[in-house]
Amino acid sequence: MFSHIKAAIIDLDGTMIDTAPDFLVAINRMREDFALRPLTLDVIKTMVGKGSENLIQQVLALDFDTSGVAARFDEALAAYQRHYLAINGDHSQLYPEVHEGLQAMRNLGLRLVCVTNKPLAFALPLMEKKEIVHYFEQVYGGDSFAKKKPDPLPMLEACKSLGLPPSQVLAIGDSSNDAIAARAAGCPVLTVPYGYNHGEAVQNIQSDGIVETLLVAAQLLSAKNSH
């Protein structure tokens, strides 16, 4: 399965960067604007991964009914985005062996694309700040296409931009979002065990394997390609 891989599509939040501490600060500042109690990191970790709009809806739904959420949504999203941009990357950090893994993949001749549900205006500055953007020939955000993961559209578009069939493009992510999107697009998929899978065990994700780090993923590909 991994012997003909020519490129990799890699997720951002929960896969390359532990951004939950950034979400925590931005969300709680937004909640403070609305005179709401702060949330814990554990609660926020179960909500991230499906884009900013979904995140804010879930956060508001803790305190308001459907009509209450709808009435406050636009203002809350704008407040959250303002707060997030102000602290983007300040409280987050790279997971272990991310630089080493990305460099190893490049050394294997793999082409790399990042596909994230994070808005592009947040994703690019964050990747620049953490000094990983140069590994990627393209970065696609949650607002780059008409649909986000778990819809396969971003994966299919990324494969199209690479000029490769999905069977030759490995997806790597931390959640069912990534696996469902990859599966539907026809990409093989590996998952990392340390990210945010909406509060679910990573073992429940229908992937082609769990790799401890991106470097382990690169080593697996190296081994498969040398046979």
C-alpha atoms as a PDB file:
ATOM      1  CA  MET A   1       0.000   0.000   0.000  1.00  0.00           C
ATOM      2  CA  PHE A   2       2.801   2.417   0.860  1.00  0.00           C
ATOM      3  CA  SER A   3       5.313   1.355  -1.792  1.00  0.00           C
ATOM      4  CA  HIS A   4       4.065   3.728  -4.531  1.00  0.00           C
ATOM      5  CA  ILE A   5       3.609   6.863  -2.420  1.00  0.00           C
ATOM      6  CA  LYS A   6       4.876  10.024  -4.145  1.00  0.00           C
ATOM      7  CA  ALA A   7       3.356  12.726  -1.921  1.00  0.00           C
ATOM      8  CA  ALA A   8       1.759  13.301   1.468  1.00  0.00           C
ATOM      9  CA  ILE A   9      -1.174  15.439   2.587  1.00  0.00           C
ATOM     10  CA  ILE A  10      -0.590  16.397   6.216  1.00  0.00           C
ATOM     11  CA  ASP A  11      -3.063  17.895   8.681  1.00  0.00           C
ATOM     12  CA  LEU A  12      -2.041  20.812  10.942  1.00  0.00           C
ATOM     13  CA  ASP A  13      -3.872  21.076  14.299  1.00  0.00           C
ATOM     14  CA  GLY A  14      -3.300  17.995  16.427  1.00  0.00           C
ATOM     15  CA  THR A  15      -0.975  16.451  13.833  1.00  0.00           C
ATOM     16  CA  MET A  16       1.947  18.885  13.480  1.00  0.00           C
ATOM     17  CA  ILE A  17       1.147  21.511  16.108  1.00  0.00           C
ATOM     18  CA  ASP A  18      -0.514  21.282  19.527  1.00  0.00           C
ATOM     19  CA  THR A  19      -2.739  24.331  19.080  1.00  0.00           C
ATOM     20  CA  ALA A  20      -5.288  23.547  21.801  1.00  0.00           C
ATOM     21  CA  PRO A  21      -3.646  26.039  24.236  1.00  0.00           C
ATOM     22  CA  ASP A  22      -4.155  28.790  21.612  1.00  0.00           C
ATOM     23  CA  PHE A  23      -7.806  27.783  21.218  1.00  0.00           C
ATOM     24  CA  LEU A  24      -8.190  27.876  24.999  1.00  0.00           C
ATOM     25  CA  VAL A  25      -6.973  31.463  25.302  1.00  0.00           C
ATOM     26  CA  ALA A  26      -8.933  32.789  22.299  1.00  0.00           C
ATOM     27  CA  ILE A  27     -12.176  31.021  23.227  1.00  0.00           C
ATOM     28  CA  ASN A  28     -12.058  32.085  26.859  1.00  0.00           C
ATOM     29  CA  ARG A  29     -11.379  35.702  25.878  1.00  0.00           C
ATOM     30  CA  MET A  30     -14.398  35.516  23.575  1.00  0.00           C
ATOM     31  CA  ARG A  31     -16.485  33.971  26.371  1.00  0.00           C
ATOM     32  CA  GLU A  32     -15.356  36.723  28.714  1.00  0.00           C
ATOM     33  CA  ASP A  33     -16.716  39.253  26.198  1.00  0.00           C
ATOM     34  CA  PHE A  34     -20.102  37.533  26.604  1.00  0.00           C
ATOM     35  CA  ALA A  35     -19.766  37.263  30.412  1.00  0.00           C
ATOM     36  CA  LEU A  36     -19.574  33.464  30.209  1.00  0.00           C
ATOM     37  CA  ARG A  37     -17.487  31.196  32.463  1.00  0.00           C
ATOM     38  CA  PRO A  38     -14.131  29.974  31.086  1.00  0.00           C
ATOM     39  CA  LEU A  39     -13.816  26.465  29.642  1.00  0.00           C
ATOM     40  CA  THR A  40     -11.107  23.913  30.423  1.00  0.00           C
ATOM     41  CA  LEU A  41      -8.516  22.654  27.947  1.00  0.00           C
ATOM     42  CA  ASP A  42      -9.994  19.135  28.045  1.00  0.00           C
ATOM     43  CA  VAL A  43     -13.427  20.416  26.988  1.00  0.00           C
ATOM     44  CA  ILE A  44     -11.961  22.487  24.153  1.00  0.00           C
ATOM     45  CA  LYS A  45      -9.883  19.558  22.848  1.00  0.00           C
ATOM     46  CA  THR A  46     -13.095  17.609  22.153  1.00  0.00           C
ATOM     47  CA  MET A  47     -14.455  20.465  20.011  1.00  0.00           C
ATOM     48  CA  VAL A  48     -11.605  21.357  17.655  1.00  0.00           C
ATOM     49  CA  GLY A  49     -10.940  19.952  14.204  1.00  0.00           C
ATOM     50  CA  LYS A  50     -14.030  20.758  12.196  1.00  0.00           C
ATOM     51  CA  GLY A  51     -13.337  24.433  11.507  1.00  0.00           C
ATOM     52  CA  SER A  52     -13.940  27.705  13.343  1.00  0.00           C
ATOM     53  CA  GLU A  53     -17.675  27.886  12.647  1.00  0.00           C
ATOM     54  CA  ASN A  54     -18.308  24.440  14.106  1.00  0.00           C
ATOM     55  CA  LEU A  55     -16.104  25.248  17.106  1.00  0.00           C
ATOM     56  CA  ILE A  56     -17.972  28.448  17.967  1.00  0.00           C
ATOM     57  CA  GLN A  57     -21.354  26.746  17.567  1.00  0.00           C
ATOM     58  CA  GLN A  58     -20.314  24.031  20.019  1.00  0.00           C
ATOM     59  CA  VAL A  59     -18.890  26.563  22.475  1.00  0.00           C
ATOM     60  CA  LEU A  60     -22.075  28.657  22.462  1.00  0.00           C
ATOM     61  CA  ALA A  61     -24.297  25.558  22.678  1.00  0.00           C
ATOM     62  CA  LEU A  62     -22.913  24.935  26.179  1.00  0.00           C
ATOM     63  CA  ASP A  63     -24.834  28.008  27.386  1.00  0.00           C
ATOM     64  CA  PHE A  64     -27.598  28.737  24.873  1.00  0.00           C
ATOM     65  CA  ASP A  65     -30.374  26.936  23.006  1.00  0.00           C
ATOM     66  CA  THR A  66     -30.481  26.829  19.203  1.00  0.00           C
ATOM     67  CA  SER A  67     -32.026  30.278  18.795  1.00  0.00           C
ATOM     68  CA  GLY A  68     -29.645  31.732  21.408  1.00  0.00           C
ATOM     69  CA  VAL A  69     -26.658  30.320  19.539  1.00  0.00           C
ATOM     70  CA  ALA A  70     -27.954  31.699  16.227  1.00  0.00           C
ATOM     71  CA  ALA A  71     -28.524  35.152  17.728  1.00  0.00           C
ATOM     72  CA  ARG A  72     -24.945  35.394  19.027  1.00  0.00           C
ATOM     73  CA  PHE A  73     -23.042  33.386  16.425  1.00  0.00           C
ATOM     74  CA  ASP A  74     -21.775  36.153  14.104  1.00  0.00           C
ATOM     75  CA  GLU A  75     -20.606  38.370  16.944  1.00  0.00           C
ATOM     76  CA  ALA A  76     -19.001  35.446  18.783  1.00  0.00           C
ATOM     77  CA  LEU A  77     -17.177  34.202  15.668  1.00  0.00           C
ATOM     78  CA  ALA A  78     -15.830  37.694  14.942  1.00  0.00           C
ATOM     79  CA  ALA A  79     -14.681  38.085  18.569  1.00  0.00           C
ATOM     80  CA  TYR A  80     -13.029  34.659  18.564  1.00  0.00           C
ATOM     81  CA  GLN A  81     -11.199  35.356  15.284  1.00  0.00           C
ATOM     82  CA  ARG A  82      -9.988  38.712  16.576  1.00  0.00           C
ATOM     83  CA  HIS A  83      -8.662  37.143  19.781  1.00  0.00           C
ATOM     84  CA  TYR A  84      -7.153  34.178  17.940  1.00  0.00           C
ATOM     85  CA  LEU A  85      -5.223  36.322  15.463  1.00  0.00           C
ATOM     86  CA  ALA A  86      -3.809  38.319  18.384  1.00  0.00           C
ATOM     87  CA  ILE A  87      -2.272  35.231  20.024  1.00  0.00           C
ATOM     88  CA  ASN A  88      -1.880  32.805  17.070  1.00  0.00           C
ATOM     89  CA  GLY A  89       1.058  30.509  17.866  1.00  0.00           C
ATOM     90  CA  ASP A  90       1.948  32.116  21.212  1.00  0.00           C
ATOM     91  CA  HIS A  91       0.764  29.202  23.351  1.00  0.00           C
ATOM     92  CA  SER A  92       1.106  26.336  20.867  1.00  0.00           C
ATOM     93  CA  GLN A  93       4.074  24.116  20.120  1.00  0.00           C
ATOM     94  CA  LEU A  94       5.271  21.578  17.587  1.00  0.00           C
ATOM     95  CA  TYR A  95       4.771  17.940  18.461  1.00  0.00           C
ATOM     96  CA  PRO A  96       7.946  15.824  18.803  1.00  0.00           C
ATOM     97  CA  GLU A  97       9.847  14.905  15.605  1.00  0.00           C
ATOM     98  CA  VAL A  98       7.758  17.117  13.300  1.00  0.00           C
ATOM     99  CA  HIS A  99      10.745  18.921  11.747  1.00  0.00           C
ATOM    100  CA  GLU A 100      12.679  15.660  11.529  1.00  0.00           C
ATOM    101  CA  GLY A 101       9.718  13.843  10.000  1.00  0.00           C
ATOM    102  CA  LEU A 102       9.000  16.510   7.393  1.00  0.00           C
ATOM    103  CA  GLN A 103      12.692  16.708   6.445  1.00  0.00           C
ATOM    104  CA  ALA A 104      12.906  12.926   6.187  1.00  0.00           C
ATOM    105  CA  MET A 105       9.875  12.869   3.876  1.00  0.00           C
ATOM    106  CA  ARG A 106      11.429  15.541   1.691  1.00  0.00           C
ATOM    107  CA  ASN A 107      14.695  13.548   1.653  1.00  0.00           C
ATOM    108  CA  LEU A 108      12.690  10.594   0.317  1.00  0.00           C
ATOM    109  CA  GLY A 109      11.573  12.821  -2.562  1.00  0.00           C
ATOM    110  CA  LEU A 110       8.001  13.143  -1.328  1.00  0.00           C
ATOM    111  CA  ARG A 111       6.019  16.250  -2.239  1.00  0.00           C
ATOM    112  CA  LEU A 112       4.144  17.707   0.724  1.00  0.00           C
ATOM    113  CA  VAL A 113       0.820  19.537   0.927  1.00  0.00           C
ATOM    114  CA  CYS A 114      -0.906  20.716   4.111  1.00  0.00           C
ATOM    115  CA  VAL A 115      -4.704  20.421   4.210  1.00  0.00           C
ATOM    116  CA  THR A 116      -6.270  21.874   7.359  1.00  0.00           C
ATOM    117  CA  ASN A 117      -9.761  22.956   8.401  1.00  0.00           C
ATOM    118  CA  LYS A 118      -8.181  26.030   9.995  1.00  0.00           C
ATOM    119  CA  PRO A 119      -8.831  29.259   8.040  1.00  0.00           C
ATOM    120  CA  LEU A 120      -5.875  30.046   5.774  1.00  0.00           C
ATOM    121  CA  ALA A 121      -5.370  33.441   7.454  1.00  0.00           C
ATOM    122  CA  PHE A 122      -4.637  31.537  10.694  1.00  0.00           C
ATOM    123  CA  ALA A 123      -2.796  28.554   9.218  1.00  0.00           C
ATOM    124  CA  LEU A 124      -0.110  30.336   7.183  1.00  0.00           C
ATOM    125  CA  PRO A 125       1.146  32.729   9.917  1.00  0.00           C
ATOM    126  CA  LEU A 126       1.187  29.826  12.387  1.00  0.00           C
ATOM    127  CA  MET A 127       3.215  27.608  10.053  1.00  0.00           C
ATOM    128  CA  GLU A 128       5.612  30.489   9.390  1.00  0.00           C
ATOM    129  CA  LYS A 129       6.002  31.160  13.117  1.00  0.00           C
ATOM    130  CA  LYS A 130       6.781  27.483  13.791  1.00  0.00           C
ATOM    131  CA  GLU A 131       9.127  27.374  10.761  1.00  0.00           C
ATOM    132  CA  ILE A 132       7.470  24.489   8.902  1.00  0.00           C
ATOM    133  CA  VAL A 133       5.787  26.276   5.982  1.00  0.00           C
ATOM    134  CA  HIS A 134       8.850  25.872   3.719  1.00  0.00           C
ATOM    135  CA  TYR A 135       8.451  22.080   3.662  1.00  0.00           C
ATOM    136  CA  PHE A 136       5.144  22.403   1.798  1.00  0.00           C
ATOM    137  CA  GLU A 137       4.532  23.279  -1.823  1.00  0.00           C
ATOM    138  CA  GLN A 138       0.916  24.179  -1.038  1.00  0.00           C
ATOM    139  CA  VAL A 139      -1.213  24.945   2.026  1.00  0.00           C
ATOM    140  CA  TYR A 140      -5.017  24.685   1.869  1.00  0.00           C
ATOM    141  CA  GLY A 141      -7.251  25.975   4.658  1.00  0.00           C
ATOM    142  CA  GLY A 142     -10.811  25.342   5.718  1.00  0.00           C
ATOM    143  CA  ASP A 143     -11.877  28.256   3.520  1.00  0.00           C
ATOM    144  CA  SER A 144      -9.896  27.195   0.428  1.00  0.00           C
ATOM    145  CA  PHE A 145     -12.701  25.024  -0.972  1.00  0.00           C
ATOM    146  CA  ALA A 146     -16.497  24.833  -0.845  1.00  0.00           C
ATOM    147  CA  LYS A 147     -16.311  22.003   1.722  1.00  0.00           C
ATOM    148  CA  LYS A 148     -14.037  21.019   4.613  1.00  0.00           C
ATOM    149  CA  LYS A 149     -12.845  17.632   5.846  1.00  0.00           C
ATOM    150  CA  PRO A 150     -14.450  15.101   6.460  1.00  0.00           C
ATOM    151  CA  ASP A 151     -15.736  15.829   2.949  1.00  0.00           C
ATOM    152  CA  PRO A 152     -13.215  14.396   0.439  1.00  0.00           C
ATOM    153  CA  LEU A 153     -13.177  17.569  -1.694  1.00  0.00           C
ATOM    154  CA  PRO A 154     -10.028  19.150  -0.122  1.00  0.00           C
ATOM    155  CA  MET A 155      -8.124  15.859  -0.503  1.00  0.00           C
ATOM    156  CA  LEU A 156      -9.231  15.435  -4.111  1.00  0.00           C
ATOM    157  CA  GLU A 157      -8.271  19.033  -4.938  1.00  0.00           C
ATOM    158  CA  ALA A 158      -4.883  18.595  -3.279  1.00  0.00           C
ATOM    159  CA  CYS A 159      -4.236  15.441  -5.347  1.00  0.00           C
ATOM    160  CA  LYS A 160      -5.316  17.331  -8.461  1.00  0.00           C
ATOM    161  CA  SER A 161      -2.860  20.151  -7.666  1.00  0.00           C
ATOM    162  CA  LEU A 162      -0.103  17.541  -7.289  1.00  0.00           C
ATOM    163  CA  GLY A 163      -1.105  15.901 -10.561  1.00  0.00           C
ATOM    164  CA  LEU A 164      -1.171  12.513  -8.808  1.00  0.00           C
ATOM    165  CA  PRO A 165      -3.846   9.824  -8.346  1.00  0.00           C
ATOM    166  CA  PRO A 166      -5.068   9.601  -4.719  1.00  0.00           C
ATOM    167  CA  SER A 167      -3.616   6.077  -4.441  1.00  0.00           C
ATOM    168  CA  GLN A 168      -0.118   7.646  -4.607  1.00  0.00           C
ATOM    169  CA  VAL A 169      -0.848  10.333  -1.997  1.00  0.00           C
ATOM    170  CA  LEU A 170      -0.663   9.398   1.684  1.00  0.00           C
ATOM    171  CA  ALA A 171      -2.821  11.351   4.125  1.00  0.00           C
ATOM    172  CA  ILE A 172      -1.584  11.821   7.704  1.00  0.00           C
ATOM    173  CA  GLY A 173      -3.852  13.214  10.415  1.00  0.00           C
ATOM    174  CA  ASP A 174      -5.020  12.902  14.009  1.00  0.00           C
ATOM    175  CA  SER A 175      -8.783  12.516  13.707  1.00  0.00           C
ATOM    176  CA  SER A 176     -11.664  10.695  12.056  1.00  0.00           C
ATOM    177  CA  ASN A 177     -12.110  13.849   9.925  1.00  0.00           C
ATOM    178  CA  ASP A 178      -8.808  13.145   8.186  1.00  0.00           C
ATOM    179  CA  ALA A 179      -9.430   9.417   7.798  1.00  0.00           C
ATOM    180  CA  ILE A 180     -12.987   9.763   6.473  1.00  0.00           C
ATOM    181  CA  ALA A 181     -11.913  12.419   3.952  1.00  0.00           C
ATOM    182  CA  ALA A 182      -8.893  10.386   2.833  1.00  0.00           C
ATOM    183  CA  ARG A 183     -10.862   7.150   2.525  1.00  0.00           C
ATOM    184  CA  ALA A 184     -13.584   8.809   0.442  1.00  0.00           C
ATOM    185  CA  ALA A 185     -10.945  10.397  -1.803  1.00  0.00           C
ATOM    186  CA  GLY A 186      -9.104   7.106  -2.277  1.00  0.00           C
ATOM    187  CA  CYS A 187      -5.941   8.042  -0.358  1.00  0.00           C
ATOM    188  CA  PRO A 188      -4.209   5.677   2.058  1.00  0.00           C
ATOM    189  CA  VAL A 189      -4.175   7.212   5.558  1.00  0.00           C
ATOM    190  CA  LEU A 190      -2.052   7.035   8.711  1.00  0.00           C
ATOM    191  CA  THR A 191      -3.022   8.530  12.065  1.00  0.00           C
ATOM    192  CA  VAL A 192      -0.957   9.912  14.937  1.00  0.00           C
ATOM    193  CA  PRO A 193      -2.080   8.983  18.473  1.00  0.00           C
ATOM    194  CA  TYR A 194      -1.617  12.310  20.256  1.00  0.00           C
ATOM    195  CA  GLY A 195      -3.999  14.850  18.656  1.00  0.00           C
ATOM    196  CA  TYR A 196      -7.661  15.790  19.004  1.00  0.00           C
ATOM    197  CA  ASN A 197     -10.140  13.185  17.814  1.00  0.00           C
ATOM    198  CA  HIS A 198     -13.321  14.851  19.142  1.00  0.00           C
ATOM    199  CA  GLY A 199     -12.873  13.025  22.471  1.00  0.00           C
ATOM    200  CA  GLU A 200     -12.815   9.578  20.815  1.00  0.00           C
ATOM    201  CA  ALA A 201     -10.024   6.973  21.023  1.00  0.00           C
ATOM    202  CA  VAL A 202      -7.662   7.145  18.029  1.00  0.00           C
ATOM    203  CA  GLN A 203      -7.855   3.323  17.816  1.00  0.00           C
ATOM    204  CA  ASN A 204     -11.482   3.691  16.671  1.00  0.00           C
ATOM    205  CA  ILE A 205     -10.444   5.573  13.519  1.00  0.00           C
ATOM    206  CA  GLN A 206     -10.582   3.508  10.319  1.00  0.00           C
ATOM    207  CA  SER A 207      -7.010   4.202   9.160  1.00  0.00           C
ATOM    208  CA  ASP A 208      -4.247   2.089   7.640  1.00  0.00           C
ATOM    209  CA  GLY A 209      -2.139   2.330  10.772  1.00  0.00           C
ATOM    210  CA  ILE A 210      -1.100   4.458  13.742  1.00  0.00           C
ATOM    211  CA  VAL A 211       2.368   6.050  13.708  1.00  0.00           C
ATOM    212  CA  GLU A 212       3.879   7.517  16.881  1.00  0.00           C
ATOM    213  CA  THR A 213       5.335  10.575  15.084  1.00  0.00           C
ATOM    214  CA  LEU A 214       5.816  12.004  11.586  1.00  0.00           C
ATOM    215  CA  LEU A 215       9.395  10.706  11.664  1.00  0.00           C
ATOM    216  CA  VAL A 216       8.093   7.168  12.249  1.00  0.00           C
ATOM    217  CA  ALA A 217       5.767   7.698   9.260  1.00  0.00           C
ATOM    218  CA  ALA A 218       8.766   8.701   7.124  1.00  0.00           C
ATOM    219  CA  GLN A 219      10.732   5.667   8.313  1.00  0.00           C
ATOM    220  CA  LEU A 220       7.808   3.393   7.415  1.00  0.00           C
ATOM    221  CA  LEU A 221       7.678   4.877   3.912  1.00  0.00           C
ATOM    222  CA  SER A 222      11.444   4.561   3.547  1.00  0.00           C
ATOM    223  CA  ALA A 223      11.302   0.882   4.497  1.00  0.00           C
ATOM    224  CA  LYS A 224       8.416   0.157   2.103  1.00  0.00           C
ATOM    225  CA  ASN A 225      10.109   1.977  -0.781  1.00  0.00           C
ATOM    226  CA  SER A 226      13.438   0.199  -0.320  1.00  0.00           C
ATOM    227  CA  HIS A 227      11.942  -3.264  -0.881  1.00  0.00           C
END
